[in-house]
Amino acid sequence: MALRQENKERTREAIADTAWALFADRGFDAVTVADVARAAHVSQATVFNYFRTKEDLFFFRLEAFGEHLVAAVVERPARESVLDAVRRVLLQPGGLLAQVDAGDQQARDRLHTVHRVINESSALQARETISLTRTADLLAAHLLAESGRPNNLGARVDAQVVAHALLAIQRALVGIVRDIVLAGAVPPSFSAQLAEIGADAFTLLADGIEHYGSQGAQTQAST
């Protein structure tokens, strides 16, 4: 059974990798599922067995990361807060940006291509928003269940506010990366800078935003 599942995962990744190469070459909107199936040497039915939509072919790794993030919150150590668990996952070192910092030109090209393809497709932009919102909703559902509070409107709103506020940091960081990458202005040690920016954003949430934007807070921050 384990071997069968492993083979299915390999097939899934092979189809997704084939699709990504086509999207990178032609743009997302110009590629059909039939094109992907033909290039991957499988039937369209096989593609749809693994991916419900064409957008799934592009974003399945983002959604897998979202599931990993929620699982990290569910399985966090007893003394770790929800905020700390999300911060730990989102700001963990490594990934494509770290490879770019290390001078990997292929990683730099891939990073640019990913954001270029998304930027050129309104369908992908819409799906990205849906994927990030879905992760926040999954997190909110867990927080509500974990709280032990009655499933009333107040408890649901509280869980939604916390989950979406935390995931808004991910959304903001993705937007910053896209703007900088597409402008061709990736600075040295960008992943470290981004981690610092993200850490400051988590601190802002941890401390509370009651005074954010007030004249007194701005004056104090500038001194």
N, C-alpha and C. Protein backbone atom coordinates (compact mmCIF):
# COMPACT_ATOMS: atom_id res chain seq x y z
N MET A 1 0.83 -1.21 0.00
CA MET A 1 0.00 0.00 0.00
C MET A 1 0.86 1.25 0.00
N ALA A 2 1.96 1.22 0.79
CA ALA A 2 2.86 2.35 0.85
C ALA A 2 3.53 2.58 -0.50
N LEU A 3 3.92 1.48 -1.17
CA LEU A 3 4.55 1.59 -2.48
C LEU A 3 3.57 2.16 -3.50
N ARG A 4 2.32 1.73 -3.43
CA ARG A 4 1.31 2.25 -4.35
C ARG A 4 1.13 3.75 -4.16
N GLN A 5 1.09 4.18 -2.91
CA GLN A 5 0.94 5.61 -2.63
C GLN A 5 2.15 6.39 -3.11
N GLU A 6 3.33 5.81 -2.94
CA GLU A 6 4.55 6.45 -3.39
C GLU A 6 4.55 6.61 -4.91
N ASN A 7 4.09 5.59 -5.61
CA ASN A 7 4.01 5.67 -7.07
C ASN A 7 3.01 6.73 -7.52
N LYS A 8 1.90 6.84 -6.80
CA LYS A 8 0.90 7.86 -7.12
C LYS A 8 1.48 9.26 -6.92
N GLU A 9 2.24 9.43 -5.86
CA GLU A 9 2.84 10.75 -5.61
C GLU A 9 3.86 11.10 -6.68
N ARG A 10 4.62 10.10 -7.12
CA ARG A 10 5.59 10.35 -8.18
C ARG A 10 4.89 10.76 -9.48
N THR A 11 3.79 10.06 -9.79
CA THR A 11 3.02 10.41 -10.98
C THR A 11 2.45 11.82 -10.87
N ARG A 12 1.91 12.13 -9.72
CA ARG A 12 1.34 13.45 -9.47
C ARG A 12 2.39 14.54 -9.67
N GLU A 13 3.57 14.34 -9.10
CA GLU A 13 4.63 15.34 -9.22
C GLU A 13 5.14 15.44 -10.65
N ALA A 14 5.21 14.32 -11.35
CA ALA A 14 5.67 14.34 -12.74
C ALA A 14 4.71 15.13 -13.62
N ILE A 15 3.41 14.94 -13.40
CA ILE A 15 2.42 15.68 -14.17
C ILE A 15 2.52 17.17 -13.86
N ALA A 16 2.65 17.50 -12.58
CA ALA A 16 2.74 18.91 -12.17
C ALA A 16 4.00 19.55 -12.72
N ASP A 17 5.12 18.84 -12.69
CA ASP A 17 6.37 19.39 -13.22
C ASP A 17 6.27 19.63 -14.73
N THR A 18 5.62 18.70 -15.43
CA THR A 18 5.42 18.87 -16.87
C THR A 18 4.55 20.09 -17.14
N ALA A 19 3.48 20.22 -16.37
CA ALA A 19 2.59 21.37 -16.54
C ALA A 19 3.33 22.68 -16.27
N TRP A 20 4.13 22.68 -15.21
CA TRP A 20 4.85 23.91 -14.85
C TRP A 20 5.79 24.33 -15.96
N ALA A 21 6.47 23.36 -16.57
CA ALA A 21 7.39 23.69 -17.67
C ALA A 21 6.63 24.30 -18.84
N LEU A 22 5.45 23.77 -19.14
CA LEU A 22 4.64 24.34 -20.22
C LEU A 22 4.15 25.74 -19.87
N PHE A 23 3.69 25.92 -18.64
CA PHE A 23 3.22 27.24 -18.21
C PHE A 23 4.35 28.27 -18.30
N ALA A 24 5.55 27.85 -17.88
CA ALA A 24 6.69 28.76 -17.90
C ALA A 24 7.05 29.15 -19.33
N ASP A 25 6.89 28.23 -20.26
CA ASP A 25 7.26 28.47 -21.65
C ASP A 25 6.21 29.28 -22.41
N ARG A 26 4.94 28.95 -22.19
CA ARG A 26 3.87 29.54 -23.01
C ARG A 26 2.96 30.51 -22.25
N GLY A 27 3.02 30.47 -20.93
CA GLY A 27 2.06 31.22 -20.14
C GLY A 27 0.90 30.32 -19.74
N PHE A 28 0.32 30.57 -18.60
CA PHE A 28 -0.71 29.69 -18.06
C PHE A 28 -1.93 29.60 -18.97
N ASP A 29 -2.40 30.75 -19.45
CA ASP A 29 -3.65 30.79 -20.21
C ASP A 29 -3.54 30.11 -21.57
N ALA A 30 -2.34 29.99 -22.11
CA ALA A 30 -2.16 29.41 -23.44
C ALA A 30 -2.02 27.89 -23.43
N VAL A 31 -1.94 27.31 -22.25
CA VAL A 31 -1.75 25.86 -22.12
C VAL A 31 -3.06 25.21 -21.72
N THR A 32 -3.42 24.12 -22.37
CA THR A 32 -4.62 23.37 -22.01
C THR A 32 -4.25 22.12 -21.24
N VAL A 33 -5.24 21.52 -20.60
CA VAL A 33 -5.01 20.25 -19.91
C VAL A 33 -4.62 19.18 -20.91
N ALA A 34 -5.17 19.25 -22.11
CA ALA A 34 -4.79 18.30 -23.16
C ALA A 34 -3.30 18.42 -23.50
N ASP A 35 -2.80 19.66 -23.52
CA ASP A 35 -1.37 19.88 -23.76
C ASP A 35 -0.54 19.21 -22.67
N VAL A 36 -0.96 19.37 -21.43
CA VAL A 36 -0.24 18.79 -20.29
C VAL A 36 -0.25 17.27 -20.40
N ALA A 37 -1.42 16.71 -20.67
CA ALA A 37 -1.53 15.25 -20.76
C ALA A 37 -0.63 14.70 -21.86
N ARG A 38 -0.64 15.38 -22.99
CA ARG A 38 0.17 14.92 -24.12
C ARG A 38 1.66 14.97 -23.77
N ALA A 39 2.11 16.07 -23.17
CA ALA A 39 3.52 16.22 -22.82
C ALA A 39 3.95 15.25 -21.72
N ALA A 40 3.00 14.92 -20.81
CA ALA A 40 3.31 14.00 -19.72
C ALA A 40 3.11 12.54 -20.09
N HIS A 41 2.63 12.30 -21.32
CA HIS A 41 2.39 10.94 -21.82
C HIS A 41 1.36 10.19 -20.96
N VAL A 42 0.30 10.92 -20.61
CA VAL A 42 -0.82 10.32 -19.89
C VAL A 42 -2.11 10.81 -20.55
N SER A 43 -3.21 10.23 -20.15
CA SER A 43 -4.50 10.68 -20.68
C SER A 43 -5.00 11.89 -19.90
N GLN A 44 -5.94 12.62 -20.51
CA GLN A 44 -6.56 13.74 -19.78
C GLN A 44 -7.27 13.23 -18.53
N ALA A 45 -7.87 12.05 -18.64
CA ALA A 45 -8.56 11.48 -17.47
C ALA A 45 -7.58 11.27 -16.32
N THR A 46 -6.36 10.85 -16.64
CA THR A 46 -5.36 10.66 -15.60
C THR A 46 -5.00 11.98 -14.95
N VAL A 47 -4.84 13.01 -15.77
CA VAL A 47 -4.55 14.34 -15.21
C VAL A 47 -5.65 14.75 -14.24
N PHE A 48 -6.90 14.58 -14.64
CA PHE A 48 -8.02 14.99 -13.79
C PHE A 48 -8.19 14.07 -12.58
N ASN A 49 -7.64 12.87 -12.64
CA ASN A 49 -7.66 12.01 -11.45
C ASN A 49 -6.80 12.60 -10.33
N TYR A 50 -5.77 13.34 -10.72
CA TYR A 50 -4.85 13.92 -9.74
C TYR A 50 -5.12 15.39 -9.47
N PHE A 51 -5.65 16.09 -10.46
CA PHE A 51 -5.86 17.54 -10.33
C PHE A 51 -7.24 17.88 -10.87
N ARG A 52 -8.06 18.49 -10.04
CA ARG A 52 -9.43 18.78 -10.45
C ARG A 52 -9.51 19.86 -11.51
N THR A 53 -8.59 20.84 -11.44
CA THR A 53 -8.61 21.96 -12.38
C THR A 53 -7.20 22.25 -12.87
N LYS A 54 -7.11 23.05 -13.91
CA LYS A 54 -5.80 23.44 -14.43
C LYS A 54 -5.04 24.26 -13.39
N GLU A 55 -5.76 25.08 -12.63
CA GLU A 55 -5.11 25.88 -11.59
C GLU A 55 -4.46 25.00 -10.53
N ASP A 56 -5.08 23.84 -10.25
CA ASP A 56 -4.49 22.90 -9.28
C ASP A 56 -3.11 22.45 -9.71
N LEU A 57 -2.90 22.32 -11.01
CA LEU A 57 -1.60 21.89 -11.53
C LEU A 57 -0.51 22.87 -11.14
N PHE A 58 -0.86 24.14 -11.08
CA PHE A 58 0.14 25.17 -10.76
C PHE A 58 0.32 25.35 -9.27
N PHE A 59 -0.78 25.26 -8.52
CA PHE A 59 -0.74 25.66 -7.11
C PHE A 59 -0.75 24.50 -6.12
N PHE A 60 -0.58 23.27 -6.58
CA PHE A 60 -0.74 22.18 -5.62
C PHE A 60 0.35 22.22 -4.54
N ARG A 61 1.54 22.74 -4.85
CA ARG A 61 2.59 22.83 -3.83
C ARG A 61 2.28 23.93 -2.82
N LEU A 62 1.68 25.04 -3.27
CA LEU A 62 1.26 26.08 -2.34
C LEU A 62 0.21 25.54 -1.38
N GLU A 63 -0.73 24.76 -1.91
CA GLU A 63 -1.77 24.21 -1.05
C GLU A 63 -1.22 23.13 -0.13
N ALA A 64 -0.22 22.38 -0.61
CA ALA A 64 0.43 21.41 0.27
C ALA A 64 1.14 22.12 1.41
N PHE A 65 1.75 23.28 1.11
CA PHE A 65 2.39 24.06 2.17
C PHE A 65 1.36 24.55 3.17
N GLY A 66 0.19 24.97 2.68
CA GLY A 66 -0.86 25.42 3.58
C GLY A 66 -1.31 24.31 4.51
N GLU A 67 -1.45 23.11 3.97
CA GLU A 67 -1.82 21.96 4.81
C GLU A 67 -0.72 21.67 5.84
N HIS A 68 0.54 21.80 5.42
CA HIS A 68 1.66 21.60 6.34
C HIS A 68 1.62 22.63 7.46
N LEU A 69 1.30 23.88 7.12
CA LEU A 69 1.25 24.93 8.12
C LEU A 69 0.17 24.65 9.16
N VAL A 70 -1.01 24.28 8.69
CA VAL A 70 -2.11 23.98 9.62
C VAL A 70 -1.74 22.77 10.48
N ALA A 71 -1.12 21.76 9.88
CA ALA A 71 -0.71 20.57 10.64
C ALA A 71 0.30 20.95 11.71
N ALA A 72 1.19 21.90 11.40
CA ALA A 72 2.18 22.33 12.39
C ALA A 72 1.52 22.99 13.59
N VAL A 73 0.43 23.71 13.35
CA VAL A 73 -0.32 24.31 14.46
C VAL A 73 -1.02 23.22 15.27
N VAL A 74 -1.64 22.29 14.57
CA VAL A 74 -2.35 21.20 15.26
C VAL A 74 -1.39 20.39 16.12
N GLU A 75 -0.19 20.13 15.61
CA GLU A 75 0.76 19.24 16.28
C GLU A 75 1.81 20.00 17.10
N ARG A 76 1.64 21.30 17.30
CA ARG A 76 2.65 22.09 18.00
C ARG A 76 2.83 21.63 19.45
N PRO A 77 4.01 21.88 20.02
CA PRO A 77 4.24 21.54 21.43
C PRO A 77 3.23 22.24 22.33
N ALA A 78 2.98 21.67 23.47
CA ALA A 78 1.92 22.16 24.36
C ALA A 78 2.13 23.61 24.76
N ARG A 79 3.37 24.02 24.94
CA ARG A 79 3.63 25.38 25.42
C ARG A 79 3.84 26.40 24.29
N GLU A 80 3.71 25.96 23.05
CA GLU A 80 3.91 26.87 21.93
C GLU A 80 2.58 27.50 21.54
N SER A 81 2.56 28.82 21.39
CA SER A 81 1.34 29.51 21.01
C SER A 81 1.06 29.29 19.52
N VAL A 82 -0.17 29.60 19.12
CA VAL A 82 -0.53 29.51 17.71
C VAL A 82 0.32 30.48 16.89
N LEU A 83 0.48 31.69 17.39
CA LEU A 83 1.29 32.69 16.69
C LEU A 83 2.71 32.18 16.49
N ASP A 84 3.30 31.61 17.55
CA ASP A 84 4.68 31.13 17.44
C ASP A 84 4.79 29.97 16.45
N ALA A 85 3.78 29.12 16.42
CA ALA A 85 3.82 27.99 15.49
C ALA A 85 3.76 28.46 14.04
N VAL A 86 2.88 29.40 13.75
CA VAL A 86 2.77 29.93 12.40
C VAL A 86 4.04 30.68 12.03
N ARG A 87 4.57 31.46 12.98
CA ARG A 87 5.83 32.18 12.72
C ARG A 87 6.96 31.21 12.42
N ARG A 88 7.03 30.13 13.17
CA ARG A 88 8.10 29.14 12.97
C ARG A 88 8.05 28.56 11.56
N VAL A 89 6.86 28.25 11.08
CA VAL A 89 6.73 27.64 9.76
C VAL A 89 6.99 28.65 8.64
N LEU A 90 6.39 29.83 8.76
CA LEU A 90 6.51 30.81 7.69
C LEU A 90 7.93 31.36 7.56
N LEU A 91 8.63 31.48 8.67
CA LEU A 91 9.94 32.11 8.65
C LEU A 91 11.10 31.12 8.71
N GLN A 92 10.79 29.84 8.56
CA GLN A 92 11.87 28.86 8.60
C GLN A 92 12.84 29.10 7.45
N PRO A 93 14.15 28.97 7.69
CA PRO A 93 15.13 29.22 6.64
C PRO A 93 15.08 28.16 5.55
N GLY A 94 15.64 28.51 4.40
CA GLY A 94 15.67 27.56 3.29
C GLY A 94 14.73 27.97 2.18
N GLY A 95 14.51 27.08 1.24
CA GLY A 95 13.61 27.35 0.14
C GLY A 95 14.30 28.06 -1.01
N LEU A 96 13.47 28.49 -1.96
CA LEU A 96 13.97 29.07 -3.21
C LEU A 96 14.74 30.36 -2.96
N LEU A 97 14.25 31.20 -2.05
CA LEU A 97 14.93 32.47 -1.79
C LEU A 97 16.32 32.25 -1.21
N ALA A 98 16.46 31.26 -0.34
CA ALA A 98 17.78 30.97 0.22
C ALA A 98 18.73 30.50 -0.88
N GLN A 99 18.22 29.74 -1.84
CA GLN A 99 19.05 29.31 -2.97
C GLN A 99 19.47 30.51 -3.82
N VAL A 100 18.56 31.47 -3.97
CA VAL A 100 18.89 32.68 -4.71
C VAL A 100 19.99 33.45 -3.98
N ASP A 101 19.87 33.58 -2.67
CA ASP A 101 20.89 34.26 -1.87
C ASP A 101 22.25 33.59 -2.01
N ALA A 102 22.23 32.27 -2.20
CA ALA A 102 23.48 31.52 -2.32
C ALA A 102 24.08 31.63 -3.73
N GLY A 103 23.41 32.36 -4.61
CA GLY A 103 23.95 32.57 -5.95
C GLY A 103 23.49 31.56 -6.98
N ASP A 104 22.44 30.81 -6.69
CA ASP A 104 21.94 29.80 -7.62
C ASP A 104 21.12 30.50 -8.72
N GLN A 105 21.67 30.56 -9.93
CA GLN A 105 21.00 31.26 -11.02
C GLN A 105 19.73 30.54 -11.46
N GLN A 106 19.74 29.20 -11.42
CA GLN A 106 18.54 28.45 -11.78
C GLN A 106 17.41 28.76 -10.81
N ALA A 107 17.73 28.89 -9.53
CA ALA A 107 16.71 29.24 -8.55
C ALA A 107 16.17 30.64 -8.80
N ARG A 108 17.06 31.56 -9.15
CA ARG A 108 16.64 32.94 -9.47
C ARG A 108 15.71 32.94 -10.68
N ASP A 109 16.07 32.17 -11.71
CA ASP A 109 15.24 32.11 -12.91
C ASP A 109 13.87 31.50 -12.59
N ARG A 110 13.87 30.45 -11.79
CA ARG A 110 12.61 29.79 -11.43
C ARG A 110 11.72 30.73 -10.62
N LEU A 111 12.33 31.44 -9.67
CA LEU A 111 11.56 32.38 -8.85
C LEU A 111 10.92 33.45 -9.72
N HIS A 112 11.68 33.98 -10.66
CA HIS A 112 11.14 35.01 -11.55
C HIS A 112 10.02 34.43 -12.42
N THR A 113 10.24 33.22 -12.92
CA THR A 113 9.24 32.61 -13.80
C THR A 113 7.92 32.37 -13.08
N VAL A 114 8.00 31.84 -11.85
CA VAL A 114 6.78 31.59 -11.07
C VAL A 114 5.96 32.86 -10.93
N HIS A 115 6.62 33.94 -10.53
CA HIS A 115 5.89 35.18 -10.29
C HIS A 115 5.46 35.84 -11.60
N ARG A 116 6.25 35.67 -12.66
CA ARG A 116 5.84 36.22 -13.95
C ARG A 116 4.58 35.53 -14.45
N VAL A 117 4.54 34.20 -14.36
CA VAL A 117 3.38 33.46 -14.85
C VAL A 117 2.13 33.84 -14.07
N ILE A 118 2.25 33.97 -12.76
CA ILE A 118 1.10 34.38 -11.94
C ILE A 118 0.66 35.79 -12.31
N ASN A 119 1.64 36.68 -12.47
CA ASN A 119 1.33 38.08 -12.76
C ASN A 119 0.63 38.24 -14.10
N GLU A 120 0.88 37.31 -15.03
CA GLU A 120 0.29 37.41 -16.36
C GLU A 120 -1.09 36.77 -16.45
N SER A 121 -1.54 36.12 -15.39
CA SER A 121 -2.81 35.38 -15.45
C SER A 121 -3.76 35.80 -14.34
N SER A 122 -4.88 36.38 -14.71
CA SER A 122 -5.88 36.75 -13.72
C SER A 122 -6.48 35.51 -13.07
N ALA A 123 -6.55 34.40 -13.83
CA ALA A 123 -7.08 33.16 -13.27
C ALA A 123 -6.18 32.64 -12.15
N LEU A 124 -4.87 32.72 -12.35
CA LEU A 124 -3.95 32.28 -11.30
C LEU A 124 -3.97 33.21 -10.10
N GLN A 125 -4.10 34.49 -10.34
CA GLN A 125 -4.17 35.44 -9.23
C GLN A 125 -5.41 35.17 -8.37
N ALA A 126 -6.53 34.90 -9.04
CA ALA A 126 -7.75 34.59 -8.30
C ALA A 126 -7.59 33.30 -7.52
N ARG A 127 -6.99 32.29 -8.14
CA ARG A 127 -6.81 31.01 -7.46
C ARG A 127 -5.84 31.13 -6.29
N GLU A 128 -4.81 31.97 -6.43
CA GLU A 128 -3.88 32.18 -5.33
C GLU A 128 -4.61 32.75 -4.12
N THR A 129 -5.47 33.70 -4.36
CA THR A 129 -6.26 34.28 -3.27
C THR A 129 -7.14 33.23 -2.62
N ILE A 130 -7.77 32.40 -3.44
CA ILE A 130 -8.63 31.33 -2.91
C ILE A 130 -7.80 30.36 -2.08
N SER A 131 -6.62 29.99 -2.55
CA SER A 131 -5.78 29.03 -1.83
C SER A 131 -5.35 29.57 -0.48
N LEU A 132 -4.92 30.83 -0.44
CA LEU A 132 -4.50 31.43 0.82
C LEU A 132 -5.68 31.57 1.78
N THR A 133 -6.84 31.93 1.25
CA THR A 133 -8.04 32.04 2.08
C THR A 133 -8.45 30.68 2.61
N ARG A 134 -8.34 29.65 1.79
CA ARG A 134 -8.69 28.30 2.22
C ARG A 134 -7.80 27.84 3.38
N THR A 135 -6.52 28.15 3.30
CA THR A 135 -5.62 27.80 4.40
C THR A 135 -6.03 28.52 5.68
N ALA A 136 -6.35 29.81 5.57
CA ALA A 136 -6.78 30.56 6.75
C ALA A 136 -8.07 29.98 7.33
N ASP A 137 -8.98 29.57 6.47
CA ASP A 137 -10.24 28.99 6.94
C ASP A 137 -10.00 27.64 7.63
N LEU A 138 -9.08 26.84 7.09
CA LEU A 138 -8.74 25.57 7.74
C LEU A 138 -8.15 25.82 9.12
N LEU A 139 -7.28 26.81 9.20
CA LEU A 139 -6.67 27.15 10.49
C LEU A 139 -7.73 27.64 11.46
N ALA A 140 -8.65 28.48 10.99
CA ALA A 140 -9.72 29.00 11.85
C ALA A 140 -10.59 27.87 12.39
N ALA A 141 -10.90 26.90 11.55
CA ALA A 141 -11.72 25.77 11.99
C ALA A 141 -11.03 25.00 13.10
N HIS A 142 -9.72 24.81 12.97
CA HIS A 142 -8.99 24.12 14.03
C HIS A 142 -8.96 24.95 15.31
N LEU A 143 -8.71 26.24 15.18
CA LEU A 143 -8.64 27.09 16.37
C LEU A 143 -9.96 27.09 17.12
N LEU A 144 -11.06 27.11 16.37
CA LEU A 144 -12.37 27.07 17.01
C LEU A 144 -12.56 25.76 17.76
N ALA A 145 -12.21 24.65 17.14
CA ALA A 145 -12.36 23.34 17.79
C ALA A 145 -11.46 23.24 19.00
N GLU A 146 -10.24 23.76 18.88
CA GLU A 146 -9.27 23.68 19.97
C GLU A 146 -9.67 24.53 21.16
N SER A 147 -10.38 25.64 20.90
CA SER A 147 -10.72 26.58 21.97
C SER A 147 -11.69 25.97 22.97
N GLY A 148 -12.49 25.01 22.52
CA GLY A 148 -13.49 24.44 23.40
C GLY A 148 -14.69 25.33 23.62
N ARG A 149 -14.74 26.46 22.93
CA ARG A 149 -15.86 27.38 23.08
C ARG A 149 -17.05 26.88 22.27
N PRO A 150 -18.25 27.25 22.66
CA PRO A 150 -19.42 26.90 21.86
C PRO A 150 -19.27 27.45 20.44
N ASN A 151 -19.77 26.70 19.48
CA ASN A 151 -19.65 27.11 18.08
C ASN A 151 -20.72 28.15 17.77
N ASN A 152 -20.54 29.33 18.38
CA ASN A 152 -21.48 30.41 18.12
C ASN A 152 -20.80 31.47 17.24
N LEU A 153 -21.57 32.49 16.89
CA LEU A 153 -21.03 33.49 15.96
C LEU A 153 -19.80 34.19 16.51
N GLY A 154 -19.83 34.53 17.80
CA GLY A 154 -18.70 35.24 18.39
C GLY A 154 -17.43 34.42 18.36
N ALA A 155 -17.52 33.15 18.72
CA ALA A 155 -16.35 32.28 18.72
C ALA A 155 -15.84 32.08 17.31
N ARG A 156 -16.74 31.94 16.35
CA ARG A 156 -16.32 31.75 14.96
C ARG A 156 -15.61 32.99 14.43
N VAL A 157 -16.13 34.17 14.76
CA VAL A 157 -15.49 35.40 14.30
C VAL A 157 -14.10 35.53 14.92
N ASP A 158 -13.98 35.25 16.21
CA ASP A 158 -12.66 35.33 16.87
C ASP A 158 -11.65 34.42 16.19
N ALA A 159 -12.04 33.18 15.90
CA ALA A 159 -11.13 32.23 15.27
C ALA A 159 -10.76 32.70 13.86
N GLN A 160 -11.73 33.25 13.14
CA GLN A 160 -11.46 33.75 11.80
C GLN A 160 -10.51 34.95 11.84
N VAL A 161 -10.72 35.84 12.79
CA VAL A 161 -9.86 37.03 12.89
C VAL A 161 -8.42 36.62 13.16
N VAL A 162 -8.22 35.72 14.11
CA VAL A 162 -6.86 35.29 14.45
C VAL A 162 -6.21 34.59 13.26
N ALA A 163 -6.91 33.64 12.65
CA ALA A 163 -6.34 32.87 11.55
C ALA A 163 -6.02 33.77 10.35
N HIS A 164 -6.95 34.63 9.98
CA HIS A 164 -6.72 35.46 8.80
C HIS A 164 -5.68 36.54 9.07
N ALA A 165 -5.57 37.03 10.30
CA ALA A 165 -4.52 37.99 10.63
C ALA A 165 -3.14 37.34 10.51
N LEU A 166 -3.01 36.12 11.00
CA LEU A 166 -1.73 35.43 10.91
C LEU A 166 -1.36 35.12 9.46
N LEU A 167 -2.33 34.65 8.69
CA LEU A 167 -2.05 34.30 7.30
C LEU A 167 -1.91 35.53 6.41
N ALA A 168 -2.38 36.69 6.90
CA ALA A 168 -2.17 37.93 6.14
C ALA A 168 -0.69 38.25 6.03
N ILE A 169 0.11 37.79 6.99
CA ILE A 169 1.54 38.00 6.90
C ILE A 169 2.12 37.23 5.72
N GLN A 170 1.69 35.99 5.55
CA GLN A 170 2.13 35.22 4.39
C GLN A 170 1.74 35.92 3.11
N ARG A 171 0.50 36.38 3.05
CA ARG A 171 0.00 37.05 1.84
C ARG A 171 0.83 38.30 1.54
N ALA A 172 1.14 39.07 2.59
CA ALA A 172 1.91 40.31 2.40
C ALA A 172 3.34 40.01 1.94
N LEU A 173 3.95 38.98 2.52
CA LEU A 173 5.32 38.63 2.13
C LEU A 173 5.37 38.15 0.68
N VAL A 174 4.37 37.36 0.29
CA VAL A 174 4.31 36.91 -1.11
C VAL A 174 4.21 38.11 -2.05
N GLY A 175 3.39 39.08 -1.68
CA GLY A 175 3.24 40.27 -2.51
C GLY A 175 4.52 41.07 -2.63
N ILE A 176 5.24 41.20 -1.50
CA ILE A 176 6.51 41.93 -1.52
C ILE A 176 7.51 41.22 -2.42
N VAL A 177 7.61 39.91 -2.26
CA VAL A 177 8.54 39.14 -3.09
C VAL A 177 8.21 39.31 -4.57
N ARG A 178 6.94 39.23 -4.91
CA ARG A 178 6.54 39.34 -6.32
C ARG A 178 6.93 40.69 -6.90
N ASP A 179 6.65 41.76 -6.16
CA ASP A 179 6.97 43.09 -6.66
C ASP A 179 8.47 43.24 -6.90
N ILE A 180 9.27 42.78 -5.95
CA ILE A 180 10.72 42.95 -6.04
C ILE A 180 11.30 42.06 -7.12
N VAL A 181 10.84 40.83 -7.19
CA VAL A 181 11.36 39.89 -8.19
C VAL A 181 11.04 40.38 -9.60
N LEU A 182 9.81 40.80 -9.84
CA LEU A 182 9.42 41.23 -11.18
C LEU A 182 10.07 42.56 -11.58
N ALA A 183 10.46 43.34 -10.57
CA ALA A 183 11.18 44.58 -10.86
C ALA A 183 12.66 44.33 -11.12
N GLY A 184 13.09 43.08 -10.93
CA GLY A 184 14.50 42.74 -11.13
C GLY A 184 15.40 43.39 -10.11
N ALA A 185 14.88 43.59 -8.91
CA ALA A 185 15.64 44.33 -7.89
C ALA A 185 15.87 43.50 -6.63
N VAL A 186 16.11 42.20 -6.79
CA VAL A 186 16.34 41.33 -5.63
C VAL A 186 17.67 41.70 -4.97
N PRO A 187 17.64 42.17 -3.73
CA PRO A 187 18.88 42.60 -3.08
C PRO A 187 19.66 41.41 -2.53
N PRO A 188 20.93 41.61 -2.20
CA PRO A 188 21.69 40.54 -1.54
C PRO A 188 21.04 40.17 -0.21
N SER A 189 21.16 38.90 0.16
CA SER A 189 20.61 38.41 1.44
C SER A 189 19.13 38.73 1.58
N PHE A 190 18.39 38.58 0.48
CA PHE A 190 16.98 38.94 0.48
C PHE A 190 16.17 38.06 1.43
N SER A 191 16.47 36.77 1.50
CA SER A 191 15.70 35.89 2.37
C SER A 191 15.86 36.29 3.83
N ALA A 192 17.07 36.71 4.22
CA ALA A 192 17.28 37.15 5.60
C ALA A 192 16.52 38.44 5.88
N GLN A 193 16.53 39.36 4.91
CA GLN A 193 15.78 40.61 5.07
C GLN A 193 14.29 40.34 5.19
N LEU A 194 13.82 39.42 4.36
CA LEU A 194 12.40 39.09 4.38
C LEU A 194 12.01 38.44 5.71
N ALA A 195 12.90 37.61 6.25
CA ALA A 195 12.63 36.99 7.54
C ALA A 195 12.54 38.05 8.64
N GLU A 196 13.38 39.06 8.58
CA GLU A 196 13.32 40.14 9.56
C GLU A 196 12.02 40.93 9.44
N ILE A 197 11.63 41.20 8.21
CA ILE A 197 10.37 41.91 7.98
C ILE A 197 9.19 41.08 8.52
N GLY A 198 9.21 39.79 8.22
CA GLY A 198 8.16 38.92 8.72
C GLY A 198 8.13 38.84 10.23
N ALA A 199 9.31 38.77 10.84
CA ALA A 199 9.38 38.73 12.31
C ALA A 199 8.80 40.00 12.91
N ASP A 200 9.08 41.15 12.30
CA ASP A 200 8.52 42.41 12.78
C ASP A 200 6.99 42.41 12.66
N ALA A 201 6.48 41.82 11.58
CA ALA A 201 5.03 41.76 11.40
C ALA A 201 4.38 40.88 12.46
N PHE A 202 5.01 39.76 12.79
CA PHE A 202 4.48 38.91 13.86
C PHE A 202 4.53 39.62 15.21
N THR A 203 5.59 40.40 15.44
CA THR A 203 5.68 41.18 16.67
C THR A 203 4.56 42.20 16.75
N LEU A 204 4.25 42.82 15.61
CA LEU A 204 3.15 43.78 15.57
C LEU A 204 1.85 43.12 16.00
N LEU A 205 1.58 41.91 15.49
CA LEU A 205 0.37 41.21 15.89
C LEU A 205 0.42 40.79 17.35
N ALA A 206 1.58 40.32 17.79
CA ALA A 206 1.71 39.86 19.17
C ALA A 206 1.50 40.99 20.16
N ASP A 207 1.99 42.18 19.81
CA ASP A 207 1.86 43.33 20.71
C ASP A 207 0.50 43.99 20.62
N GLY A 208 -0.21 43.71 19.53
CA GLY A 208 -1.52 44.33 19.33
C GLY A 208 -1.42 45.54 18.44
N ILE A 209 -2.46 45.80 17.67
CA ILE A 209 -2.41 46.88 16.68
C ILE A 209 -3.24 48.09 17.11
N GLU A 210 -3.59 48.13 18.38
CA GLU A 210 -4.46 49.22 18.84
C GLU A 210 -3.87 50.59 18.52
N HIS A 211 -2.56 50.74 18.71
CA HIS A 211 -1.94 52.05 18.53
C HIS A 211 -1.25 52.21 17.18
N TYR A 212 -1.36 51.19 16.32
CA TYR A 212 -0.72 51.29 15.01
C TYR A 212 -1.35 52.43 14.22
N GLY A 213 -0.51 53.30 13.67
CA GLY A 213 -1.00 54.39 12.86
C GLY A 213 -1.36 55.64 13.63
N SER A 214 -1.34 55.57 14.96
CA SER A 214 -1.66 56.77 15.74
C SER A 214 -0.45 57.69 15.75
N GLN A 215 -0.69 58.98 15.94
CA GLN A 215 0.39 59.96 15.91
C GLN A 215 1.42 59.70 16.99
N GLY A 216 0.92 59.30 18.17
CA GLY A 216 1.83 59.02 19.28
C GLY A 216 2.75 57.84 18.99
N ALA A 217 2.20 56.81 18.39
CA ALA A 217 2.99 55.63 18.07
C ALA A 217 4.04 55.97 17.01
N GLN A 218 3.68 56.79 16.04
CA GLN A 218 4.61 57.16 14.99
C GLN A 218 5.75 58.00 15.56
N THR A 219 5.40 58.90 16.47
CA THR A 219 6.43 59.75 17.07
C THR A 219 7.40 58.93 17.90
N GLN A 220 6.86 57.97 18.68
CA GLN A 220 7.70 57.14 19.51
C GLN A 220 8.60 56.25 18.66
N ALA A 221 8.06 55.73 17.55
CA ALA A 221 8.84 54.85 16.70
C ALA A 221 9.98 55.59 16.02
N SER A 222 9.83 56.91 15.81
CA SER A 222 10.85 57.67 15.09
C SER A 222 11.94 58.20 16.01
N THR A 223 11.74 58.06 17.34
CA THR A 223 12.73 58.58 18.29
C THR A 223 13.68 57.49 18.74
